[in-house]
Protein backbone atom coordinates (compact mmCIF):
# COMPACT_ATOMS: atom_id res chain seq x y z
CA UNK A 1 0.00 0.00 0.00
CA UNK A 2 1.04 3.62 -0.48
CA UNK A 3 1.15 6.31 2.19
CA UNK A 4 1.64 9.91 1.12
CA UNK A 5 2.83 12.49 3.63
CA UNK A 6 2.22 16.10 2.67
CA UNK A 7 2.61 19.44 4.37
CA UNK A 8 4.76 22.54 4.42
CA UNK A 9 7.98 20.63 5.14
CA UNK A 10 7.20 17.19 3.71
CA UNK A 11 5.92 15.74 0.45
CA UNK A 12 6.70 12.08 -0.16
CA UNK A 13 5.09 8.71 -0.76
CA UNK A 14 6.31 5.44 0.72
CA UNK A 15 5.24 1.87 0.07
CA UNK A 16 4.62 -0.27 3.14
CA UNK A 17 2.91 -3.52 4.09
CA UNK A 18 -0.59 -3.40 5.59
CA UNK A 19 -0.61 -3.22 9.37
CA UNK A 20 2.31 -0.81 9.82
CA UNK A 21 2.02 2.04 12.30
CA UNK A 22 2.29 5.70 11.45
CA UNK A 23 5.53 5.82 13.49
CA UNK A 24 7.19 3.07 11.41
CA UNK A 25 5.95 4.69 8.19
CA UNK A 26 7.32 8.09 9.20
CA UNK A 27 10.68 6.48 9.96
CA UNK A 28 10.70 4.74 6.57
CA UNK A 29 10.01 8.13 4.93
CA UNK A 30 12.95 9.65 6.80
CA UNK A 31 10.75 11.83 8.99
CA UNK A 32 11.63 11.98 12.70
CA UNK A 33 8.33 11.09 14.47
CA UNK A 34 9.06 13.24 17.52
CA UNK A 35 9.12 16.38 15.36
CA UNK A 36 5.71 16.07 13.68
CA UNK A 37 1.97 15.73 14.23
CA UNK A 38 0.07 13.62 11.68
CA UNK A 39 -3.57 14.24 10.82
CA UNK A 40 -6.30 12.96 8.51
CA UNK A 41 -9.59 14.76 7.84
CA UNK A 42 -8.74 17.40 10.49
CA UNK A 43 -8.16 14.73 13.18
CA UNK A 44 -4.78 14.23 14.81
CA UNK A 45 -3.71 10.58 14.72
CA UNK A 46 -1.55 8.92 17.38
CA UNK A 47 1.73 7.59 16.01
CA UNK A 48 0.69 4.07 17.04
CA UNK A 49 -2.27 4.17 14.62
CA UNK A 50 -2.24 1.11 12.33
CA UNK A 51 -2.55 1.77 8.61
CA UNK A 52 -4.50 -0.69 6.43
CA UNK A 53 -4.91 1.00 3.06
CA UNK A 54 -3.64 3.73 0.77
CA UNK A 55 -3.88 7.07 2.51
CA UNK A 56 -2.75 10.70 2.26
CA UNK A 57 -1.75 12.20 5.61
CA UNK A 58 -1.01 15.79 6.57
CA UNK A 59 2.28 16.22 8.42
CA UNK A 60 2.71 19.33 10.57
CA UNK A 61 6.15 20.10 11.96
CA UNK A 62 6.12 20.98 15.65
CA UNK A 63 8.68 23.59 16.72
CA UNK A 64 9.99 24.15 20.19
CA UNK A 65 12.96 25.80 21.75
CA UNK A 66 14.00 28.84 23.57
PDB file of N, CA and C in Angstrom:
ATOM      1  N   UNK A   1       0.842  -1.176   0.000  1.00  0.00           N
ATOM      2  CA  UNK A   1       0.000   0.000   0.000  1.00  0.00           C
ATOM      3  C   UNK A   1       0.886   1.237   0.000  1.00  0.00           C
ATOM      4  N   UNK A   2       0.311   2.360  -0.384  1.00  0.00           N
ATOM      5  CA  UNK A   2       1.045   3.617  -0.478  1.00  0.00           C
ATOM      6  C   UNK A   2       0.522   4.621   0.541  1.00  0.00           C
ATOM      7  N   UNK A   3       1.475   5.254   1.235  1.00  0.00           N
ATOM      8  CA  UNK A   3       1.150   6.310   2.190  1.00  0.00           C
ATOM      9  C   UNK A   3       1.852   7.574   1.713  1.00  0.00           C
ATOM     10  N   UNK A   4       1.076   8.624   1.531  1.00  0.00           N
ATOM     11  CA  UNK A   4       1.636   9.913   1.123  1.00  0.00           C
ATOM     12  C   UNK A   4       1.592  10.857   2.302  1.00  0.00           C
ATOM     13  N   UNK A   5       2.739  11.446   2.613  1.00  0.00           N
ATOM     14  CA  UNK A   5       2.831  12.486   3.631  1.00  0.00           C
ATOM     15  C   UNK A   5       2.953  13.816   2.897  1.00  0.00           C
ATOM     16  N   UNK A   6       2.136  14.784   3.282  1.00  0.00           N
ATOM     17  CA  UNK A   6       2.224  16.103   2.666  1.00  0.00           C
ATOM     18  C   UNK A   6       2.104  17.164   3.741  1.00  0.00           C
ATOM     19  N   UNK A   7       2.640  18.312   3.445  1.00  0.00           N
ATOM     20  CA  UNK A   7       2.608  19.438   4.369  1.00  0.00           C
ATOM     21  C   UNK A   7       3.655  20.443   3.962  1.00  0.00           C
ATOM     22  N   UNK A   8       3.816  21.478   4.748  1.00  0.00           N
ATOM     23  CA  UNK A   8       4.756  22.544   4.420  1.00  0.00           C
ATOM     24  C   UNK A   8       6.184  22.025   4.265  1.00  0.00           C
ATOM     25  N   UNK A   9       6.594  21.103   5.141  1.00  0.00           N
ATOM     26  CA  UNK A   9       7.979  20.633   5.141  1.00  0.00           C
ATOM     27  C   UNK A   9       8.163  19.241   4.535  1.00  0.00           C
ATOM     28  N   UNK A  10       7.090  18.566   4.187  1.00  0.00           N
ATOM     29  CA  UNK A  10       7.200  17.186   3.707  1.00  0.00           C
ATOM     30  C   UNK A  10       6.255  16.939   2.540  1.00  0.00           C
ATOM     31  N   UNK A  11       6.746  16.169   1.572  1.00  0.00           N
ATOM     32  CA  UNK A  11       5.924  15.744   0.450  1.00  0.00           C
ATOM     33  C   UNK A  11       6.564  14.496  -0.139  1.00  0.00           C
ATOM     34  N   UNK A  12       6.123  13.324   0.326  1.00  0.00           N
ATOM     35  CA  UNK A  12       6.703  12.080  -0.157  1.00  0.00           C
ATOM     36  C   UNK A  12       5.687  10.954  -0.039  1.00  0.00           C
ATOM     37  N   UNK A  13       5.916   9.905  -0.813  1.00  0.00           N
ATOM     38  CA  UNK A  13       5.091   8.710  -0.765  1.00  0.00           C
ATOM     39  C   UNK A  13       5.984   7.519  -0.499  1.00  0.00           C
ATOM     40  N   UNK A  14       5.559   6.662   0.420  1.00  0.00           N
ATOM     41  CA  UNK A  14       6.309   5.436   0.716  1.00  0.00           C
ATOM     42  C   UNK A  14       5.394   4.233   0.533  1.00  0.00           C
ATOM     43  N   UNK A  15       5.988   3.118   0.198  1.00  0.00           N
ATOM     44  CA  UNK A  15       5.245   1.871   0.066  1.00  0.00           C
ATOM     45  C   UNK A  15       5.540   1.020   1.293  1.00  0.00           C
ATOM     46  N   UNK A  16       4.471   0.542   1.937  1.00  0.00           N
ATOM     47  CA  UNK A  16       4.620  -0.270   3.138  1.00  0.00           C
ATOM     48  C   UNK A  16       3.639  -1.438   3.075  1.00  0.00           C
ATOM     49  N   UNK A  17       3.844  -2.410   3.962  1.00  0.00           N
ATOM     50  CA  UNK A  17       2.908  -3.522   4.094  1.00  0.00           C
ATOM     51  C   UNK A  17       1.726  -3.083   4.961  1.00  0.00           C
ATOM     52  N   UNK A  18       0.560  -3.673   4.730  1.00  0.00           N
ATOM     53  CA  UNK A  18      -0.592  -3.401   5.589  1.00  0.00           C
ATOM     54  C   UNK A  18      -0.222  -3.704   7.032  1.00  0.00           C
ATOM     55  N   UNK A  19      -0.809  -2.952   7.948  1.00  0.00           N
ATOM     56  CA  UNK A  19      -0.614  -3.215   9.367  1.00  0.00           C
ATOM     57  C   UNK A  19       0.547  -2.476  10.003  1.00  0.00           C
ATOM     58  N   UNK A  20       1.223  -1.600   9.254  1.00  0.00           N
ATOM     59  CA  UNK A  20       2.309  -0.814   9.825  1.00  0.00           C
ATOM     60  C   UNK A  20       1.731   0.384  10.571  1.00  0.00           C
ATOM     61  N   UNK A  21       2.458   0.867  11.555  1.00  0.00           N
ATOM     62  CA  UNK A  21       2.021   2.041  12.298  1.00  0.00           C
ATOM     63  C   UNK A  21       2.483   3.315  11.600  1.00  0.00           C
ATOM     64  N   UNK A  22       1.864   4.409  11.978  1.00  0.00           N
ATOM     65  CA  UNK A  22       2.294   5.698  11.453  1.00  0.00           C
ATOM     66  C   UNK A  22       3.748   5.952  11.827  1.00  0.00           C
ATOM     67  N   UNK A  23       4.141   5.615  13.047  1.00  0.00           N
ATOM     68  CA  UNK A  23       5.527   5.824  13.492  1.00  0.00           C
ATOM     69  C   UNK A  23       6.510   5.118  12.560  1.00  0.00           C
ATOM     70  N   UNK A  24       6.294   3.850  12.281  1.00  0.00           N
ATOM     71  CA  UNK A  24       7.189   3.074  11.407  1.00  0.00           C
ATOM     72  C   UNK A  24       7.210   3.657   9.996  1.00  0.00           C
ATOM     73  N   UNK A  25       6.051   4.122   9.534  1.00  0.00           N
ATOM     74  CA  UNK A  25       5.953   4.687   8.193  1.00  0.00           C
ATOM     75  C   UNK A  25       6.684   6.019   8.121  1.00  0.00           C
ATOM     76  N   UNK A  26       6.558   6.838   9.149  1.00  0.00           N
ATOM     77  CA  UNK A  26       7.323   8.091   9.201  1.00  0.00           C
ATOM     78  C   UNK A  26       8.817   7.807   9.146  1.00  0.00           C
ATOM     79  N   UNK A  27       9.263   6.836   9.934  1.00  0.00           N
ATOM     80  CA  UNK A  27      10.684   6.480   9.955  1.00  0.00           C
ATOM     81  C   UNK A  27      11.152   6.028   8.579  1.00  0.00           C
ATOM     82  N   UNK A  28      10.344   5.217   7.906  1.00  0.00           N
ATOM     83  CA  UNK A  28      10.700   4.744   6.566  1.00  0.00           C
ATOM     84  C   UNK A  28      10.808   5.914   5.590  1.00  0.00           C
ATOM     85  N   UNK A  29       9.987   6.947   5.790  1.00  0.00           N
ATOM     86  CA  UNK A  29      10.007   8.128   4.931  1.00  0.00           C
ATOM     87  C   UNK A  29      11.143   9.087   5.298  1.00  0.00           C
ATOM     88  N   UNK A  30      11.868   8.781   6.366  1.00  0.00           N
ATOM     89  CA  UNK A  30      12.955   9.653   6.796  1.00  0.00           C
ATOM     90  C   UNK A  30      12.497  10.859   7.588  1.00  0.00           C
ATOM     91  N   UNK A  31      11.315  10.755   8.184  1.00  0.00           N
ATOM     92  CA  UNK A  31      10.752  11.834   8.989  1.00  0.00           C
ATOM     93  C   UNK A  31      10.849  11.431  10.459  1.00  0.00           C
ATOM     94  N   UNK A  32      11.480  12.259  11.269  1.00  0.00           N
ATOM     95  CA  UNK A  32      11.631  11.976  12.696  1.00  0.00           C
ATOM     96  C   UNK A  32      10.276  12.134  13.388  1.00  0.00           C
ATOM     97  N   UNK A  33       9.680  11.030  13.894  1.00  0.00           N
ATOM     98  CA  UNK A  33       8.332  11.093  14.470  1.00  0.00           C
ATOM     99  C   UNK A  33       8.159  12.108  15.594  1.00  0.00           C
ATOM    100  N   UNK A  34       9.197  12.324  16.387  1.00  0.00           N
ATOM    101  CA  UNK A  34       9.064  13.243  17.524  1.00  0.00           C
ATOM    102  C   UNK A  34       8.962  14.700  17.101  1.00  0.00           C
ATOM    103  N   UNK A  35       9.152  14.991  15.817  1.00  0.00           N
ATOM    104  CA  UNK A  35       9.117  16.380  15.360  1.00  0.00           C
ATOM    105  C   UNK A  35       7.838  16.753  14.611  1.00  0.00           C
ATOM    106  N   UNK A  36       6.901  15.795  14.482  1.00  0.00           N
ATOM    107  CA  UNK A  36       5.708  16.069  13.676  1.00  0.00           C
ATOM    108  C   UNK A  36       4.429  15.575  14.341  1.00  0.00           C
ATOM    109  N   UNK A  37       3.323  16.178  13.904  1.00  0.00           N
ATOM    110  CA  UNK A  37       1.972  15.730  14.227  1.00  0.00           C
ATOM    111  C   UNK A  37       1.355  15.301  12.900  1.00  0.00           C
ATOM    112  N   UNK A  38       0.674  14.154  12.900  1.00  0.00           N
ATOM    113  CA  UNK A  38       0.071  13.623  11.680  1.00  0.00           C
ATOM    114  C   UNK A  38      -1.449  13.703  11.819  1.00  0.00           C
ATOM    115  N   UNK A  39      -2.113  14.146  10.757  1.00  0.00           N
ATOM    116  CA  UNK A  39      -3.569  14.241  10.818  1.00  0.00           C
ATOM    117  C   UNK A  39      -4.204  13.761   9.519  1.00  0.00           C
ATOM    118  N   UNK A  40      -5.489  13.403   9.643  1.00  0.00           N
ATOM    119  CA  UNK A  40      -6.300  12.955   8.515  1.00  0.00           C
ATOM    120  C   UNK A  40      -7.701  13.491   8.732  1.00  0.00           C
ATOM    121  N   UNK A  41      -8.252  14.158   7.740  1.00  0.00           N
ATOM    122  CA  UNK A  41      -9.588  14.761   7.843  1.00  0.00           C
ATOM    123  C   UNK A  41      -9.733  15.611   9.105  1.00  0.00           C
ATOM    124  N   UNK A  42      -8.734  16.459   9.347  1.00  0.00           N
ATOM    125  CA  UNK A  42      -8.735  17.398  10.486  1.00  0.00           C
ATOM    126  C   UNK A  42      -8.712  16.716  11.852  1.00  0.00           C
ATOM    127  N   UNK A  43      -8.281  15.444  11.897  1.00  0.00           N
ATOM    128  CA  UNK A  43      -8.161  14.732  13.183  1.00  0.00           C
ATOM    129  C   UNK A  43      -6.719  14.304  13.370  1.00  0.00           C
ATOM    130  N   UNK A  44      -6.141  14.644  14.499  1.00  0.00           N
ATOM    131  CA  UNK A  44      -4.776  14.227  14.806  1.00  0.00           C
ATOM    132  C   UNK A  44      -4.780  12.734  15.111  1.00  0.00           C
ATOM    133  N   UNK A  45      -3.813  12.028  14.527  1.00  0.00           N
ATOM    134  CA  UNK A  45      -3.708  10.582  14.719  1.00  0.00           C
ATOM    135  C   UNK A  45      -2.512  10.242  15.592  1.00  0.00           C
ATOM    136  N   UNK A  46      -2.694   9.378  16.581  1.00  0.00           N
ATOM    137  CA  UNK A  46      -1.554   8.918  17.381  1.00  0.00           C
ATOM    138  C   UNK A  46      -0.560   8.180  16.483  1.00  0.00           C
ATOM    139  N   UNK A  47       0.707   8.258  16.818  1.00  0.00           N
ATOM    140  CA  UNK A  47       1.729   7.590  16.014  1.00  0.00           C
ATOM    141  C   UNK A  47       1.616   6.072  16.050  1.00  0.00           C
ATOM    142  N   UNK A  48       0.866   5.525  16.996  1.00  0.00           N
ATOM    143  CA  UNK A  48       0.694   4.067  17.038  1.00  0.00           C
ATOM    144  C   UNK A  48      -0.531   3.607  16.239  1.00  0.00           C
ATOM    145  N   UNK A  49      -1.145   4.517  15.480  1.00  0.00           N
ATOM    146  CA  UNK A  49      -2.275   4.166  14.616  1.00  0.00           C
ATOM    147  C   UNK A  49      -1.816   3.199  13.533  1.00  0.00           C
ATOM    148  N   UNK A  50      -2.569   2.117  13.343  1.00  0.00           N
ATOM    149  CA  UNK A  50      -2.240   1.111  12.333  1.00  0.00           C
ATOM    150  C   UNK A  50      -2.878   1.503  11.005  1.00  0.00           C
ATOM    151  N   UNK A  51      -2.092   1.413   9.948  1.00  0.00           N
ATOM    152  CA  UNK A  51      -2.555   1.770   8.610  1.00  0.00           C
ATOM    153  C   UNK A  51      -2.893   0.515   7.825  1.00  0.00           C
ATOM    154  N   UNK A  52      -4.049   0.505   7.157  1.00  0.00           N
ATOM    155  CA  UNK A  52      -4.496  -0.685   6.434  1.00  0.00           C
ATOM    156  C   UNK A  52      -4.970  -0.398   5.009  1.00  0.00           C
ATOM    157  N   UNK A  53      -4.532   0.689   4.435  1.00  0.00           N
ATOM    158  CA  UNK A  53      -4.913   1.004   3.065  1.00  0.00           C
ATOM    159  C   UNK A  53      -4.212   2.259   2.601  1.00  0.00           C
ATOM    160  N   UNK A  54      -4.240   2.518   1.301  1.00  0.00           N
ATOM    161  CA  UNK A  54      -3.635   3.730   0.768  1.00  0.00           C
ATOM    162  C   UNK A  54      -4.255   4.946   1.440  1.00  0.00           C
ATOM    163  N   UNK A  55      -3.388   5.903   1.799  1.00  0.00           N
ATOM    164  CA  UNK A  55      -3.882   7.072   2.514  1.00  0.00           C
ATOM    165  C   UNK A  55      -2.947   8.255   2.276  1.00  0.00           C
ATOM    166  N   UNK A  56      -3.513   9.439   2.363  1.00  0.00           N
ATOM    167  CA  UNK A  56      -2.750  10.696   2.260  1.00  0.00           C
ATOM    168  C   UNK A  56      -2.885  11.400   3.603  1.00  0.00           C
ATOM    169  N   UNK A  57      -1.760  11.645   4.264  1.00  0.00           N
ATOM    170  CA  UNK A  57      -1.754  12.204   5.610  1.00  0.00           C
ATOM    171  C   UNK A  57      -1.047  13.553   5.642  1.00  0.00           C
ATOM    172  N   UNK A  58      -1.624  14.480   6.384  1.00  0.00           N
ATOM    173  CA  UNK A  58      -1.013  15.787   6.569  1.00  0.00           C
ATOM    174  C   UNK A  58       0.012  15.702   7.694  1.00  0.00           C
ATOM    175  N   UNK A  59       1.210  16.204   7.422  1.00  0.00           N
ATOM    176  CA  UNK A  59       2.284  16.224   8.417  1.00  0.00           C
ATOM    177  C   UNK A  59       2.567  17.682   8.783  1.00  0.00           C
ATOM    178  N   UNK A  60       2.447  17.985  10.071  1.00  0.00           N
ATOM    179  CA  UNK A  60       2.712  19.331  10.569  1.00  0.00           C
ATOM    180  C   UNK A  60       3.940  19.271  11.484  1.00  0.00           C
ATOM    181  N   UNK A  61       4.943  20.056  11.142  1.00  0.00           N
ATOM    182  CA  UNK A  61       6.152  20.104  11.960  1.00  0.00           C
ATOM    183  C   UNK A  61       5.880  20.905  13.221  1.00  0.00           C
ATOM    184  N   UNK A  62       6.296  20.343  14.354  1.00  0.00           N
ATOM    185  CA  UNK A  62       6.118  20.979  15.648  1.00  0.00           C
ATOM    186  C   UNK A  62       7.455  21.598  16.042  1.00  0.00           C
ATOM    187  N   UNK A  63       7.439  22.884  16.342  1.00  0.00           N
ATOM    188  CA  UNK A  63       8.677  23.594  16.719  1.00  0.00           C
ATOM    189  C   UNK A  63       8.673  23.859  18.210  1.00  0.00           C
ATOM    190  N   UNK A  64       9.842  23.777  18.783  1.00  0.00           N
ATOM    191  CA  UNK A  64       9.993  24.147  20.192  1.00  0.00           C
ATOM    192  C   UNK A  64      11.412  24.641  20.389  1.00  0.00           C
ATOM    193  N   UNK A  65      11.616  25.297  21.463  1.00  0.00           N
ATOM    194  CA  UNK A  65      12.959  25.800  21.746  1.00  0.00           C
ATOM    195  C   UNK A  65      12.877  27.068  22.568  1.00  0.00           C
ATOM    196  N   UNK A  66      14.012  27.650  22.748  1.00  0.00           N
ATOM    197  CA  UNK A  66      14.001  28.844  23.570  1.00  0.00           C
ATOM    198  C   UNK A  66      15.023  29.837  23.168  1.00  0.00           C
TER     199      UNK A  66
END
